[in-house]
C-alpha atoms as a PDB file:
ATOM      1  CA  UNK A   1     109.765 109.798  89.435  1.00  0.00           C
ATOM      2  CA  UNK A   2     107.458 112.311  91.111  1.00  0.00           C
ATOM      3  CA  UNK A   3     108.338 114.911  88.485  1.00  0.00           C
ATOM      4  CA  UNK A   4     107.629 112.423  85.688  1.00  0.00           C
ATOM      5  CA  UNK A   5     104.275 111.485  87.211  1.00  0.00           C
ATOM      6  CA  UNK A   6     103.159 115.095  87.601  1.00  0.00           C
ATOM      7  CA  UNK A   7     104.411 116.440  84.271  1.00  0.00           C
ATOM      8  CA  UNK A   8     102.719 114.116  81.790  1.00  0.00           C
ATOM      9  CA  UNK A   9     105.629 111.758  81.194  1.00  0.00           C
ATOM     10  CA  UNK A  10     104.686 108.427  79.570  1.00  0.00           C
ATOM     11  CA  UNK A  11     107.045 106.561  81.879  1.00  0.00           C
ATOM     12  CA  UNK A  12     110.135 106.586  84.042  1.00  0.00           C
ATOM     13  CA  UNK A  13     113.542 104.895  83.774  1.00  0.00           C
ATOM     14  CA  UNK A  14     116.168 105.199  86.500  1.00  0.00           C
ATOM     15  CA  UNK A  15     119.824 104.343  86.895  1.00  0.00           C
ATOM     16  CA  UNK A  16     120.151 101.122  84.907  1.00  0.00           C
ATOM     17  CA  UNK A  17     119.805  99.532  81.498  1.00  0.00           C
ATOM     18  CA  UNK A  18     117.219  97.051  82.763  1.00  0.00           C
ATOM     19  CA  UNK A  19     114.642  98.440  80.340  1.00  0.00           C
ATOM     20  CA  UNK A  20     116.599  96.477  77.699  1.00  0.00           C
ATOM     21  CA  UNK A  21     115.824  93.232  79.611  1.00  0.00           C
ATOM     22  CA  UNK A  22     119.384  91.970  79.292  1.00  0.00           C
ATOM     23  CA  UNK A  23     120.270  88.750  81.134  1.00  0.00           C
ATOM     24  CA  UNK A  24     120.102  89.147  84.915  1.00  0.00           C
ATOM     25  CA  UNK A  25     117.537  91.967  85.037  1.00  0.00           C
ATOM     26  CA  UNK A  26     115.201  89.815  87.119  1.00  0.00           C
ATOM     27  CA  UNK A  27     117.787  89.715  89.927  1.00  0.00           C
ATOM     28  CA  UNK A  28     117.517  93.458  90.396  1.00  0.00           C
ATOM     29  CA  UNK A  29     113.760  93.564  91.011  1.00  0.00           C
ATOM     30  CA  UNK A  30     114.179  92.950  94.742  1.00  0.00           C
ATOM     31  CA  UNK A  31     116.162  96.087  95.624  1.00  0.00           C
ATOM     32  CA  UNK A  32     115.449  99.042  97.951  1.00  0.00           C
ATOM     33  CA  UNK A  33     115.158 101.369  94.931  1.00  0.00           C
ATOM     34  CA  UNK A  34     112.449  99.238  93.324  1.00  0.00           C
ATOM     35  CA  UNK A  35     110.583  99.048  96.648  1.00  0.00           C
ATOM     36  CA  UNK A  36     110.738 102.846  96.972  1.00  0.00           C
ATOM     37  CA  UNK A  37     109.377 103.306  93.460  1.00  0.00           C
ATOM     38  CA  UNK A  38     106.522 100.966  94.335  1.00  0.00           C
ATOM     39  CA  UNK A  39     105.648 103.011  97.415  1.00  0.00           C
ATOM     40  CA  UNK A  40     105.723 106.239  95.404  1.00  0.00           C
ATOM     41  CA  UNK A  41     103.425 104.667  92.824  1.00  0.00           C
ATOM     42  CA  UNK A  42     101.007 103.555  95.547  1.00  0.00           C
ATOM     43  CA  UNK A  43     101.045 107.077  97.011  1.00  0.00           C
ATOM     44  CA  UNK A  44     100.117 108.710  93.697  1.00  0.00           C
ATOM     45  CA  UNK A  45      97.540 106.015  92.928  1.00  0.00           C
ATOM     46  CA  UNK A  46      95.763 106.814  96.211  1.00  0.00           C
ATOM     47  CA  UNK A  47      94.394 110.174  94.994  1.00  0.00           C
ATOM     48  CA  UNK A  48      93.407 112.064  91.839  1.00  0.00           C
ATOM     49  CA  UNK A  49      96.969 113.052  90.885  1.00  0.00           C
ATOM     50  CA  UNK A  50      95.792 114.436  87.542  1.00  0.00           C
ATOM     51  CA  UNK A  51      93.907 117.153  89.442  1.00  0.00           C
ATOM     52  CA  UNK A  52      97.084 118.536  91.081  1.00  0.00           C
ATOM     53  CA  UNK A  53      97.939 122.184  90.437  1.00  0.00           C
ATOM     54  CA  UNK A  54     101.352 123.882  90.750  1.00  0.00           C
ATOM     55  CA  UNK A  55     102.226 125.643  94.004  1.00  0.00           C
ATOM     56  CA  UNK A  56     102.840 129.015  92.379  1.00  0.00           C
ATOM     57  CA  UNK A  57     102.015 130.941  95.555  1.00  0.00           C
ATOM     58  CA  UNK A  58     104.821 129.286  97.588  1.00  0.00           C
ATOM     59  CA  UNK A  59     102.345 128.147 100.252  1.00  0.00           C
ATOM     60  CA  UNK A  60     103.841 124.651 100.434  1.00  0.00           C
ATOM     61  CA  UNK A  61     107.520 125.332  99.753  1.00  0.00           C
ATOM     62  CA  UNK A  62     108.382 128.577 101.506  1.00  0.00           C
ATOM     63  CA  UNK A  63     112.178 128.590 101.350  1.00  0.00           C
ATOM     64  CA  UNK A  64     115.097 127.201  99.370  1.00  0.00           C
ATOM     65  CA  UNK A  65     113.368 127.358  96.011  1.00  0.00           C
ATOM     66  CA  UNK A  66     116.095 129.511  94.428  1.00  0.00           C
ATOM     67  CA  UNK A  67     115.821 131.701  91.366  1.00  0.00           C
ATOM     68  CA  UNK A  68     114.123 130.454  88.168  1.00  0.00           C
ATOM     69  CA  UNK A  69     116.624 129.666  85.396  1.00  0.00           C
ATOM     70  CA  UNK A  70     114.355 128.177  82.721  1.00  0.00           C
ATOM     71  CA  UNK A  71     113.470 124.604  81.921  1.00  0.00           C
ATOM     72  CA  UNK A  72     115.380 122.323  79.563  1.00  0.00           C
ATOM     73  CA  UNK A  73     115.590 118.606  78.942  1.00  0.00           C
ATOM     74  CA  UNK A  74     117.627 117.154  81.776  1.00  0.00           C
ATOM     75  CA  UNK A  75     118.001 120.600  83.349  1.00  0.00           C
ATOM     76  CA  UNK A  76     116.803 122.173  86.559  1.00  0.00           C
ATOM     77  CA  UNK A  77     114.088 124.791  86.678  1.00  0.00           C
ATOM     78  CA  UNK A  78     115.509 126.607  89.747  1.00  0.00           C
ATOM     79  CA  UNK A  79     119.097 127.451  90.619  1.00  0.00           C
ATOM     80  CA  UNK A  80     120.016 126.728  94.244  1.00  0.00           C
END
């Protein structure tokens, strides 16, 4: 979800077909995953997220980034 929020995605869907609103979807609104998504949303709503800039200097993440392998739909941008 964080990647979607910081890359211009129009939305985010995770791990279920609930976006289709099939019978029983309401029963899955009170889950730990939904609560976590709500907290992440509140976090990003608390500051000007659109003003974020990439950490290209490695000042924040200093190890474990891996080697760049390119970006593709559903792919990773760094090999670990």
